[in-house]
Amino acid sequence: AAVQGYGGRIVWAGSGPRDRERTLARVLAETGAVFVHPSNDFHVIAGQGTAALELLADAPGLDVVVAPVGGGGLLSGTALAVAARSPGTRVVGAEPEKVDDAARSFRDGRIHPPTGAFTVADGLRTFLGDRSFPIIRRHVDDIVTVTEQGIVDAMRLVWERAKVVIEASAAVPVAALFEHPE
C-alpha cells in the first residue's frame, strides 16, 4: 500500500527467486526499463559497504562484524569495507538454516542454487551471484546459519531491550550471536 501510495507500480511475481526472474524479464521487455540487480551489482555492493564504513567509524577496533546474507550484496560490501579499513576484524555472514545456499556455497567453493524453502527472514530468500560470491570467498571468514526460532527470539529481544522494530532479515545476525557465540 505504501509503494502504491508513493506512485509505484506493483507487479506480483510469485514467491520464489525464479518466479521473480521470469516476471522481471517480462516487465523489462514490456517497459524498456533498466534493471539494477539488488545484490549482484558492483555499484550496489559498494553502496552497501558504506554501512560498514559508518560502523567502523563509530566503533573502531571491532573483533568481528556479522552481516546477513541472501544475495551477498551487503555481505560482500561489508567485507570489502572491513578489509580496507580494519583488516584485523573478522567478517561473518549469517543466514537462515532453511535457506542455507550461501553457507553451502562458501564451504564448497561453488554457488549452490537456492533451496526454495520458506523462512521468516524472507528478505534473504535469494541467492549469491557471480559478482558477490568471489568477494565473499576472498574476504569473509565464515558463514553461519540460524534457526527460525532464533530469528524470532532475536527480533523480540531487539524490540524489548532496544525498543527498535527490525525485520526478520535484520535479526539474523543477532540470532547468530546467540546461536554461535564463538
N, C-alpha and C. Protein backbone atom coordinates (compact mmCIF):
# COMPACT_ATOMS: atom_id res chain seq x y z
N ALA A 1 0.82 -1.19 0.00
CA ALA A 1 0.00 0.00 0.00
C ALA A 1 0.87 1.26 0.00
N ALA A 2 1.97 1.21 0.76
CA ALA A 2 2.85 2.39 0.80
C ALA A 2 3.49 2.64 -0.56
N VAL A 3 3.93 1.57 -1.22
CA VAL A 3 4.55 1.73 -2.55
C VAL A 3 3.54 2.32 -3.52
N GLN A 4 2.33 1.81 -3.50
CA GLN A 4 1.29 2.37 -4.36
C GLN A 4 1.01 3.81 -4.00
N GLY A 5 1.00 4.12 -2.72
CA GLY A 5 0.77 5.48 -2.27
C GLY A 5 1.83 6.45 -2.75
N TYR A 6 3.04 5.96 -2.95
CA TYR A 6 4.14 6.80 -3.48
C TYR A 6 4.16 6.83 -5.00
N GLY A 7 3.18 6.17 -5.63
CA GLY A 7 3.09 6.18 -7.08
C GLY A 7 3.76 5.02 -7.77
N GLY A 8 4.23 4.05 -7.01
CA GLY A 8 4.89 2.88 -7.60
C GLY A 8 3.90 1.93 -8.23
N ARG A 9 4.38 1.21 -9.22
CA ARG A 9 3.57 0.19 -9.90
C ARG A 9 3.90 -1.16 -9.28
N ILE A 10 2.91 -1.89 -8.84
CA ILE A 10 3.09 -3.20 -8.23
C ILE A 10 2.88 -4.27 -9.29
N VAL A 11 3.84 -5.17 -9.42
CA VAL A 11 3.73 -6.31 -10.31
C VAL A 11 3.97 -7.55 -9.47
N TRP A 12 2.96 -8.38 -9.30
CA TRP A 12 3.10 -9.59 -8.49
C TRP A 12 3.91 -10.61 -9.26
N ALA A 13 4.88 -11.23 -8.55
CA ALA A 13 5.84 -12.08 -9.25
C ALA A 13 5.97 -13.48 -8.65
N GLY A 14 5.16 -13.86 -7.74
CA GLY A 14 5.34 -15.16 -7.09
C GLY A 14 6.30 -15.04 -5.92
N SER A 15 6.55 -16.15 -5.26
CA SER A 15 7.34 -16.07 -4.04
C SER A 15 8.77 -16.58 -4.17
N GLY A 16 9.11 -17.21 -5.26
CA GLY A 16 10.45 -17.76 -5.40
C GLY A 16 11.34 -16.91 -6.29
N PRO A 17 12.66 -17.06 -6.14
CA PRO A 17 13.59 -16.28 -6.96
C PRO A 17 13.40 -16.48 -8.47
N ARG A 18 13.13 -17.68 -8.89
CA ARG A 18 12.94 -17.94 -10.33
C ARG A 18 11.66 -17.28 -10.84
N ASP A 19 10.61 -17.27 -9.99
CA ASP A 19 9.37 -16.57 -10.36
C ASP A 19 9.65 -15.09 -10.59
N ARG A 20 10.45 -14.51 -9.69
CA ARG A 20 10.78 -13.09 -9.81
C ARG A 20 11.60 -12.82 -11.08
N GLU A 21 12.52 -13.72 -11.41
CA GLU A 21 13.34 -13.52 -12.62
C GLU A 21 12.48 -13.55 -13.88
N ARG A 22 11.54 -14.48 -13.96
CA ARG A 22 10.66 -14.57 -15.13
C ARG A 22 9.80 -13.32 -15.25
N THR A 23 9.25 -12.87 -14.13
CA THR A 23 8.42 -11.68 -14.15
C THR A 23 9.25 -10.45 -14.51
N LEU A 24 10.45 -10.36 -13.99
CA LEU A 24 11.33 -9.25 -14.32
C LEU A 24 11.60 -9.20 -15.82
N ALA A 25 11.92 -10.33 -16.42
CA ALA A 25 12.20 -10.37 -17.86
C ALA A 25 11.00 -9.86 -18.65
N ARG A 26 9.81 -10.26 -18.22
CA ARG A 26 8.58 -9.81 -18.91
C ARG A 26 8.39 -8.31 -18.77
N VAL A 27 8.57 -7.78 -17.58
CA VAL A 27 8.37 -6.35 -17.34
C VAL A 27 9.42 -5.53 -18.09
N LEU A 28 10.66 -5.99 -18.11
CA LEU A 28 11.71 -5.27 -18.85
C LEU A 28 11.37 -5.22 -20.34
N ALA A 29 10.90 -6.36 -20.88
CA ALA A 29 10.54 -6.41 -22.30
C ALA A 29 9.36 -5.48 -22.59
N GLU A 30 8.40 -5.43 -21.67
CA GLU A 30 7.21 -4.60 -21.88
C GLU A 30 7.50 -3.10 -21.74
N THR A 31 8.39 -2.74 -20.84
CA THR A 31 8.57 -1.33 -20.50
C THR A 31 9.85 -0.70 -21.01
N GLY A 32 10.85 -1.51 -21.33
CA GLY A 32 12.15 -0.96 -21.72
C GLY A 32 12.94 -0.43 -20.53
N ALA A 33 12.51 -0.78 -19.32
CA ALA A 33 13.20 -0.32 -18.11
C ALA A 33 14.60 -0.94 -18.03
N VAL A 34 15.42 -0.37 -17.19
CA VAL A 34 16.76 -0.89 -16.94
C VAL A 34 16.77 -1.55 -15.58
N PHE A 35 17.32 -2.75 -15.52
CA PHE A 35 17.37 -3.50 -14.27
C PHE A 35 18.68 -3.24 -13.55
N VAL A 36 18.59 -2.89 -12.28
CA VAL A 36 19.75 -2.78 -11.41
C VAL A 36 19.59 -3.89 -10.37
N HIS A 37 20.49 -4.86 -10.40
CA HIS A 37 20.38 -6.01 -9.50
C HIS A 37 20.53 -5.55 -8.05
N PRO A 38 19.68 -6.04 -7.16
CA PRO A 38 19.73 -5.58 -5.77
C PRO A 38 20.92 -6.07 -4.97
N SER A 39 21.68 -7.03 -5.47
CA SER A 39 22.84 -7.51 -4.71
C SER A 39 24.03 -7.86 -5.57
N ASN A 40 23.84 -8.23 -6.81
CA ASN A 40 24.93 -8.70 -7.67
C ASN A 40 25.34 -7.61 -8.67
N ASP A 41 25.59 -6.43 -8.16
CA ASP A 41 25.98 -5.28 -8.98
C ASP A 41 27.08 -4.56 -8.21
N PHE A 42 28.19 -4.26 -8.87
CA PHE A 42 29.33 -3.67 -8.17
C PHE A 42 28.99 -2.32 -7.53
N HIS A 43 28.14 -1.52 -8.16
CA HIS A 43 27.75 -0.24 -7.56
C HIS A 43 26.92 -0.45 -6.30
N VAL A 44 26.03 -1.43 -6.34
CA VAL A 44 25.21 -1.75 -5.17
C VAL A 44 26.09 -2.28 -4.05
N ILE A 45 27.01 -3.17 -4.40
CA ILE A 45 27.94 -3.72 -3.40
C ILE A 45 28.72 -2.59 -2.74
N ALA A 46 29.24 -1.68 -3.53
CA ALA A 46 30.00 -0.54 -2.98
C ALA A 46 29.10 0.31 -2.09
N GLY A 47 27.89 0.57 -2.54
CA GLY A 47 26.96 1.36 -1.74
C GLY A 47 26.61 0.69 -0.43
N GLN A 48 26.41 -0.62 -0.46
CA GLN A 48 26.08 -1.32 0.77
C GLN A 48 27.27 -1.37 1.72
N GLY A 49 28.47 -1.33 1.17
CA GLY A 49 29.67 -1.31 2.00
C GLY A 49 29.78 -0.06 2.85
N THR A 50 29.09 1.01 2.46
CA THR A 50 29.17 2.25 3.24
C THR A 50 28.58 2.07 4.64
N ALA A 51 27.66 1.13 4.81
CA ALA A 51 27.13 0.86 6.16
C ALA A 51 28.25 0.38 7.08
N ALA A 52 29.13 -0.47 6.56
CA ALA A 52 30.26 -0.94 7.36
C ALA A 52 31.26 0.18 7.61
N LEU A 53 31.45 1.06 6.64
CA LEU A 53 32.35 2.19 6.86
C LEU A 53 31.85 3.06 8.00
N GLU A 54 30.54 3.30 8.05
CA GLU A 54 29.96 4.08 9.14
C GLU A 54 30.12 3.36 10.47
N LEU A 55 29.90 2.05 10.46
CA LEU A 55 30.05 1.26 11.68
C LEU A 55 31.48 1.35 12.20
N LEU A 56 32.45 1.17 11.31
CA LEU A 56 33.86 1.20 11.71
C LEU A 56 34.28 2.59 12.19
N ALA A 57 33.68 3.63 11.63
CA ALA A 57 33.98 5.00 12.09
C ALA A 57 33.43 5.21 13.50
N ASP A 58 32.25 4.66 13.77
CA ASP A 58 31.63 4.83 15.09
C ASP A 58 32.19 3.88 16.14
N ALA A 59 32.68 2.72 15.71
CA ALA A 59 33.16 1.69 16.65
C ALA A 59 34.45 1.08 16.12
N PRO A 60 35.54 1.82 16.16
CA PRO A 60 36.81 1.28 15.65
C PRO A 60 37.31 0.14 16.53
N GLY A 61 38.11 -0.74 15.92
CA GLY A 61 38.73 -1.82 16.68
C GLY A 61 37.83 -3.00 16.97
N LEU A 62 36.81 -3.20 16.17
CA LEU A 62 35.91 -4.34 16.39
C LEU A 62 36.63 -5.65 16.13
N ASP A 63 36.26 -6.69 16.87
CA ASP A 63 36.81 -8.02 16.64
C ASP A 63 36.13 -8.71 15.47
N VAL A 64 34.82 -8.50 15.35
CA VAL A 64 34.05 -9.18 14.32
C VAL A 64 32.87 -8.31 13.90
N VAL A 65 32.50 -8.40 12.63
CA VAL A 65 31.30 -7.79 12.10
C VAL A 65 30.46 -8.92 11.51
N VAL A 66 29.19 -8.99 11.89
CA VAL A 66 28.29 -10.02 11.39
C VAL A 66 27.23 -9.34 10.53
N ALA A 67 27.05 -9.87 9.31
CA ALA A 67 26.06 -9.29 8.39
C ALA A 67 25.18 -10.41 7.84
N PRO A 68 23.92 -10.11 7.58
CA PRO A 68 23.05 -11.12 6.96
C PRO A 68 23.48 -11.36 5.51
N VAL A 69 23.15 -12.54 5.01
CA VAL A 69 23.47 -12.84 3.62
C VAL A 69 22.29 -13.52 2.95
N GLY A 70 21.94 -12.99 1.81
CA GLY A 70 20.95 -13.57 0.92
C GLY A 70 21.60 -13.60 -0.45
N GLY A 71 21.53 -12.47 -1.16
CA GLY A 71 22.18 -12.36 -2.46
C GLY A 71 23.65 -11.99 -2.36
N GLY A 72 24.09 -11.55 -1.20
CA GLY A 72 25.50 -11.30 -0.98
C GLY A 72 25.95 -9.87 -1.16
N GLY A 73 25.08 -8.95 -1.55
CA GLY A 73 25.49 -7.57 -1.75
C GLY A 73 25.95 -6.90 -0.47
N LEU A 74 25.16 -6.99 0.58
CA LEU A 74 25.53 -6.37 1.85
C LEU A 74 26.76 -7.04 2.43
N LEU A 75 26.80 -8.37 2.41
CA LEU A 75 27.94 -9.08 2.99
C LEU A 75 29.22 -8.80 2.21
N SER A 76 29.17 -8.81 0.89
CA SER A 76 30.39 -8.55 0.12
C SER A 76 30.83 -7.09 0.27
N GLY A 77 29.89 -6.16 0.30
CA GLY A 77 30.25 -4.76 0.53
C GLY A 77 30.84 -4.55 1.91
N THR A 78 30.25 -5.21 2.90
CA THR A 78 30.77 -5.15 4.26
C THR A 78 32.18 -5.71 4.31
N ALA A 79 32.39 -6.85 3.68
CA ALA A 79 33.70 -7.50 3.70
C ALA A 79 34.77 -6.63 3.05
N LEU A 80 34.43 -5.99 1.93
CA LEU A 80 35.40 -5.11 1.27
C LEU A 80 35.75 -3.91 2.14
N ALA A 81 34.74 -3.31 2.75
CA ALA A 81 34.98 -2.14 3.60
C ALA A 81 35.82 -2.51 4.81
N VAL A 82 35.49 -3.63 5.43
CA VAL A 82 36.25 -4.06 6.62
C VAL A 82 37.68 -4.42 6.22
N ALA A 83 37.87 -5.09 5.10
CA ALA A 83 39.22 -5.45 4.65
C ALA A 83 40.07 -4.20 4.42
N ALA A 84 39.45 -3.15 3.91
CA ALA A 84 40.18 -1.92 3.61
C ALA A 84 40.45 -1.08 4.85
N ARG A 85 39.50 -1.01 5.76
CA ARG A 85 39.61 -0.09 6.89
C ARG A 85 40.01 -0.75 8.21
N SER A 86 39.77 -2.05 8.34
CA SER A 86 40.05 -2.73 9.61
C SER A 86 40.42 -4.18 9.34
N PRO A 87 41.57 -4.40 8.69
CA PRO A 87 41.92 -5.75 8.24
C PRO A 87 42.01 -6.79 9.34
N GLY A 88 42.14 -6.40 10.59
CA GLY A 88 42.19 -7.36 11.68
C GLY A 88 40.82 -7.80 12.17
N THR A 89 39.77 -7.20 11.64
CA THR A 89 38.40 -7.53 12.03
C THR A 89 37.88 -8.68 11.19
N ARG A 90 37.32 -9.68 11.85
CA ARG A 90 36.72 -10.82 11.14
C ARG A 90 35.35 -10.41 10.60
N VAL A 91 34.96 -10.99 9.47
CA VAL A 91 33.64 -10.77 8.89
C VAL A 91 32.95 -12.12 8.80
N VAL A 92 31.75 -12.19 9.36
CA VAL A 92 30.96 -13.42 9.36
C VAL A 92 29.60 -13.13 8.76
N GLY A 93 29.18 -13.98 7.85
CA GLY A 93 27.84 -13.89 7.29
C GLY A 93 26.90 -14.76 8.10
N ALA A 94 25.62 -14.41 8.11
CA ALA A 94 24.62 -15.19 8.83
C ALA A 94 23.40 -15.33 7.94
N GLU A 95 22.87 -16.55 7.88
CA GLU A 95 21.66 -16.78 7.08
C GLU A 95 20.78 -17.83 7.75
N PRO A 96 19.49 -17.81 7.43
CA PRO A 96 18.59 -18.81 7.99
C PRO A 96 18.99 -20.21 7.52
N GLU A 97 18.93 -21.18 8.43
CA GLU A 97 19.33 -22.53 8.06
C GLU A 97 18.42 -23.14 6.98
N LYS A 98 17.19 -22.67 6.88
CA LYS A 98 16.28 -23.21 5.86
C LYS A 98 16.67 -22.78 4.44
N VAL A 99 17.38 -21.69 4.32
CA VAL A 99 17.84 -21.19 3.02
C VAL A 99 19.36 -21.01 3.08
N ASP A 100 20.05 -22.12 3.26
CA ASP A 100 21.48 -22.10 3.57
C ASP A 100 22.39 -22.18 2.35
N ASP A 101 21.92 -21.74 1.20
CA ASP A 101 22.74 -21.88 -0.01
C ASP A 101 24.04 -21.09 0.06
N ALA A 102 24.06 -19.95 0.73
CA ALA A 102 25.30 -19.17 0.84
C ALA A 102 26.32 -19.91 1.70
N ALA A 103 25.88 -20.48 2.81
CA ALA A 103 26.80 -21.23 3.68
C ALA A 103 27.35 -22.44 2.94
N ARG A 104 26.49 -23.16 2.24
CA ARG A 104 26.96 -24.32 1.47
C ARG A 104 27.90 -23.89 0.35
N SER A 105 27.56 -22.80 -0.32
CA SER A 105 28.41 -22.29 -1.41
C SER A 105 29.78 -21.88 -0.87
N PHE A 106 29.78 -21.21 0.26
CA PHE A 106 31.02 -20.76 0.89
C PHE A 106 31.91 -21.96 1.22
N ARG A 107 31.32 -23.00 1.80
CA ARG A 107 32.07 -24.20 2.17
C ARG A 107 32.59 -24.96 0.95
N ASP A 108 31.75 -25.05 -0.09
CA ASP A 108 32.09 -25.88 -1.25
C ASP A 108 32.85 -25.15 -2.35
N GLY A 109 32.89 -23.82 -2.28
CA GLY A 109 33.62 -23.06 -3.29
C GLY A 109 32.92 -22.93 -4.62
N ARG A 110 31.63 -23.21 -4.65
CA ARG A 110 30.83 -23.04 -5.87
C ARG A 110 29.42 -22.61 -5.46
N ILE A 111 28.79 -21.85 -6.32
CA ILE A 111 27.45 -21.33 -6.00
C ILE A 111 26.42 -22.44 -6.08
N HIS A 112 25.71 -22.63 -4.97
CA HIS A 112 24.60 -23.57 -4.92
C HIS A 112 23.31 -22.83 -5.23
N PRO A 113 22.37 -23.48 -5.88
CA PRO A 113 21.07 -22.83 -6.15
C PRO A 113 20.29 -22.65 -4.85
N PRO A 114 19.32 -21.75 -4.86
CA PRO A 114 18.51 -21.56 -3.65
C PRO A 114 17.70 -22.81 -3.32
N THR A 115 17.39 -22.97 -2.05
CA THR A 115 16.63 -24.14 -1.63
C THR A 115 15.15 -24.01 -1.99
N GLY A 116 14.66 -22.80 -2.10
CA GLY A 116 13.24 -22.59 -2.36
C GLY A 116 12.39 -22.69 -1.12
N ALA A 117 13.02 -22.95 0.02
CA ALA A 117 12.28 -23.09 1.27
C ALA A 117 11.77 -21.73 1.74
N PHE A 118 10.84 -21.77 2.65
CA PHE A 118 10.31 -20.54 3.24
C PHE A 118 11.00 -20.29 4.57
N THR A 119 11.19 -19.03 4.88
CA THR A 119 11.78 -18.61 6.14
C THR A 119 11.11 -17.31 6.56
N VAL A 120 11.08 -17.08 7.86
CA VAL A 120 10.52 -15.82 8.35
C VAL A 120 11.36 -14.65 7.84
N ALA A 121 12.64 -14.89 7.59
CA ALA A 121 13.54 -13.86 7.06
C ALA A 121 13.48 -13.88 5.54
N ASP A 122 12.31 -13.54 5.01
CA ASP A 122 12.08 -13.68 3.57
C ASP A 122 12.94 -12.77 2.71
N GLY A 123 13.51 -11.73 3.29
CA GLY A 123 14.42 -10.86 2.55
C GLY A 123 15.72 -11.56 2.16
N LEU A 124 15.97 -12.71 2.77
CA LEU A 124 17.19 -13.47 2.47
C LEU A 124 16.91 -14.68 1.60
N ARG A 125 15.72 -14.76 1.04
CA ARG A 125 15.36 -15.88 0.15
C ARG A 125 15.82 -15.59 -1.27
N THR A 126 17.07 -15.35 -1.43
CA THR A 126 17.64 -15.09 -2.74
C THR A 126 18.93 -15.87 -2.82
N PHE A 127 19.77 -15.59 -3.80
CA PHE A 127 20.96 -16.43 -3.94
C PHE A 127 22.15 -15.59 -4.39
N LEU A 128 23.33 -16.11 -4.12
CA LEU A 128 24.57 -15.43 -4.45
C LEU A 128 24.73 -15.28 -5.95
N GLY A 129 25.47 -14.25 -6.34
CA GLY A 129 25.71 -14.02 -7.76
C GLY A 129 27.19 -14.13 -8.11
N ASP A 130 27.46 -14.05 -9.39
CA ASP A 130 28.83 -14.21 -9.87
C ASP A 130 29.72 -13.02 -9.51
N ARG A 131 29.16 -11.93 -9.06
CA ARG A 131 29.96 -10.78 -8.63
C ARG A 131 30.16 -10.78 -7.12
N SER A 132 29.11 -11.07 -6.39
CA SER A 132 29.22 -11.05 -4.92
C SER A 132 29.99 -12.26 -4.38
N PHE A 133 29.82 -13.41 -4.99
CA PHE A 133 30.41 -14.63 -4.44
C PHE A 133 31.94 -14.60 -4.37
N PRO A 134 32.66 -14.20 -5.42
CA PRO A 134 34.13 -14.17 -5.29
C PRO A 134 34.63 -13.23 -4.20
N ILE A 135 33.93 -12.13 -3.99
CA ILE A 135 34.31 -11.20 -2.92
C ILE A 135 34.12 -11.87 -1.56
N ILE A 136 32.99 -12.55 -1.41
CA ILE A 136 32.70 -13.26 -0.17
C ILE A 136 33.75 -14.34 0.08
N ARG A 137 34.05 -15.11 -0.93
CA ARG A 137 35.05 -16.18 -0.78
C ARG A 137 36.40 -15.62 -0.34
N ARG A 138 36.75 -14.46 -0.83
CA ARG A 138 38.08 -13.90 -0.53
C ARG A 138 38.14 -13.17 0.82
N HIS A 139 37.05 -12.48 1.18
CA HIS A 139 37.13 -11.57 2.32
C HIS A 139 36.27 -11.94 3.52
N VAL A 140 35.43 -12.95 3.43
CA VAL A 140 34.58 -13.35 4.55
C VAL A 140 35.23 -14.54 5.25
N ASP A 141 35.20 -14.52 6.58
CA ASP A 141 35.83 -15.57 7.37
C ASP A 141 34.95 -16.80 7.53
N ASP A 142 33.64 -16.62 7.60
CA ASP A 142 32.74 -17.75 7.79
C ASP A 142 31.32 -17.30 7.50
N ILE A 143 30.46 -18.27 7.22
CA ILE A 143 29.02 -18.03 7.12
C ILE A 143 28.36 -19.07 8.02
N VAL A 144 27.54 -18.60 8.95
CA VAL A 144 26.84 -19.48 9.88
C VAL A 144 25.35 -19.42 9.59
N THR A 145 24.64 -20.44 10.03
CA THR A 145 23.19 -20.48 9.85
C THR A 145 22.51 -20.44 11.20
N VAL A 146 21.26 -19.95 11.18
CA VAL A 146 20.48 -19.82 12.41
C VAL A 146 19.09 -20.40 12.22
N THR A 147 18.47 -20.76 13.33
CA THR A 147 17.14 -21.36 13.30
C THR A 147 16.05 -20.30 13.17
N GLU A 148 14.89 -20.75 12.76
CA GLU A 148 13.73 -19.86 12.68
C GLU A 148 13.38 -19.31 14.06
N GLN A 149 13.41 -20.18 15.07
CA GLN A 149 13.10 -19.71 16.43
C GLN A 149 14.13 -18.69 16.89
N GLY A 150 15.38 -18.90 16.54
CA GLY A 150 16.43 -17.94 16.90
C GLY A 150 16.18 -16.58 16.28
N ILE A 151 15.70 -16.57 15.04
CA ILE A 151 15.40 -15.30 14.36
C ILE A 151 14.27 -14.57 15.08
N VAL A 152 13.21 -15.29 15.38
CA VAL A 152 12.06 -14.68 16.08
C VAL A 152 12.48 -14.19 17.47
N ASP A 153 13.26 -14.99 18.17
CA ASP A 153 13.74 -14.58 19.50
C ASP A 153 14.60 -13.33 19.42
N ALA A 154 15.42 -13.23 18.39
CA ALA A 154 16.29 -12.06 18.21
C ALA A 154 15.45 -10.82 17.92
N MET A 155 14.42 -10.95 17.09
CA MET A 155 13.53 -9.81 16.83
C MET A 155 12.90 -9.33 18.13
N ARG A 156 12.43 -10.29 18.92
CA ARG A 156 11.78 -9.95 20.19
C ARG A 156 12.78 -9.27 21.14
N LEU A 157 13.98 -9.79 21.23
CA LEU A 157 15.00 -9.22 22.11
C LEU A 157 15.32 -7.77 21.73
N VAL A 158 15.50 -7.53 20.44
CA VAL A 158 15.82 -6.16 20.00
C VAL A 158 14.65 -5.23 20.30
N TRP A 159 13.43 -5.69 20.10
CA TRP A 159 12.27 -4.87 20.41
C TRP A 159 12.18 -4.59 21.91
N GLU A 160 12.32 -5.64 22.73
CA GLU A 160 12.15 -5.47 24.17
C GLU A 160 13.27 -4.66 24.80
N ARG A 161 14.50 -4.85 24.34
CA ARG A 161 15.63 -4.20 25.01
C ARG A 161 16.00 -2.86 24.37
N ALA A 162 15.97 -2.79 23.05
CA ALA A 162 16.39 -1.55 22.37
C ALA A 162 15.20 -0.71 21.92
N LYS A 163 14.00 -1.28 22.01
CA LYS A 163 12.78 -0.59 21.56
C LYS A 163 12.88 -0.20 20.08
N VAL A 164 13.47 -1.11 19.30
CA VAL A 164 13.62 -0.91 17.86
C VAL A 164 12.93 -2.07 17.16
N VAL A 165 12.08 -1.75 16.20
CA VAL A 165 11.42 -2.78 15.41
C VAL A 165 12.30 -3.09 14.20
N ILE A 166 12.71 -4.34 14.07
CA ILE A 166 13.53 -4.74 12.92
C ILE A 166 12.83 -5.86 12.19
N GLU A 167 13.11 -5.96 10.90
CA GLU A 167 12.56 -7.06 10.14
C GLU A 167 13.34 -8.33 10.46
N ALA A 168 12.78 -9.46 10.09
CA ALA A 168 13.40 -10.74 10.41
C ALA A 168 14.80 -10.88 9.80
N SER A 169 15.00 -10.38 8.59
CA SER A 169 16.32 -10.50 7.96
C SER A 169 17.39 -9.76 8.76
N ALA A 170 17.03 -8.65 9.37
CA ALA A 170 17.97 -7.89 10.19
C ALA A 170 18.23 -8.59 11.52
N ALA A 171 17.34 -9.45 11.93
CA ALA A 171 17.51 -10.18 13.19
C ALA A 171 18.44 -11.38 13.03
N VAL A 172 18.70 -11.81 11.81
CA VAL A 172 19.52 -12.99 11.59
C VAL A 172 20.93 -12.84 12.19
N PRO A 173 21.63 -11.71 12.01
CA PRO A 173 22.94 -11.58 12.66
C PRO A 173 22.85 -11.57 14.19
N VAL A 174 21.78 -11.03 14.73
CA VAL A 174 21.60 -11.04 16.18
C VAL A 174 21.41 -12.48 16.65
N ALA A 175 20.61 -13.24 15.93
CA ALA A 175 20.42 -14.65 16.26
C ALA A 175 21.75 -15.41 16.19
N ALA A 176 22.58 -15.04 15.22
CA ALA A 176 23.88 -15.71 15.09
C ALA A 176 24.75 -15.50 16.32
N LEU A 177 24.66 -14.33 16.94
CA LEU A 177 25.45 -14.07 18.14
C LEU A 177 25.08 -15.02 19.27
N PHE A 178 23.81 -15.37 19.36
CA PHE A 178 23.35 -16.27 20.41
C PHE A 178 23.55 -17.74 20.06
N GLU A 179 23.34 -18.08 18.80
CA GLU A 179 23.45 -19.48 18.41
C GLU A 179 24.89 -19.90 18.11
N HIS A 180 25.75 -18.92 17.84
CA HIS A 180 27.17 -19.19 17.55
C HIS A 180 28.05 -18.22 18.32
N PRO A 181 28.07 -18.28 19.63
CA PRO A 181 28.81 -17.30 20.42
C PRO A 181 30.32 -17.28 20.14
N GLU A 182 30.82 -18.36 19.59
CA GLU A 182 32.25 -18.40 19.25
C GLU A 182 32.60 -17.45 18.14
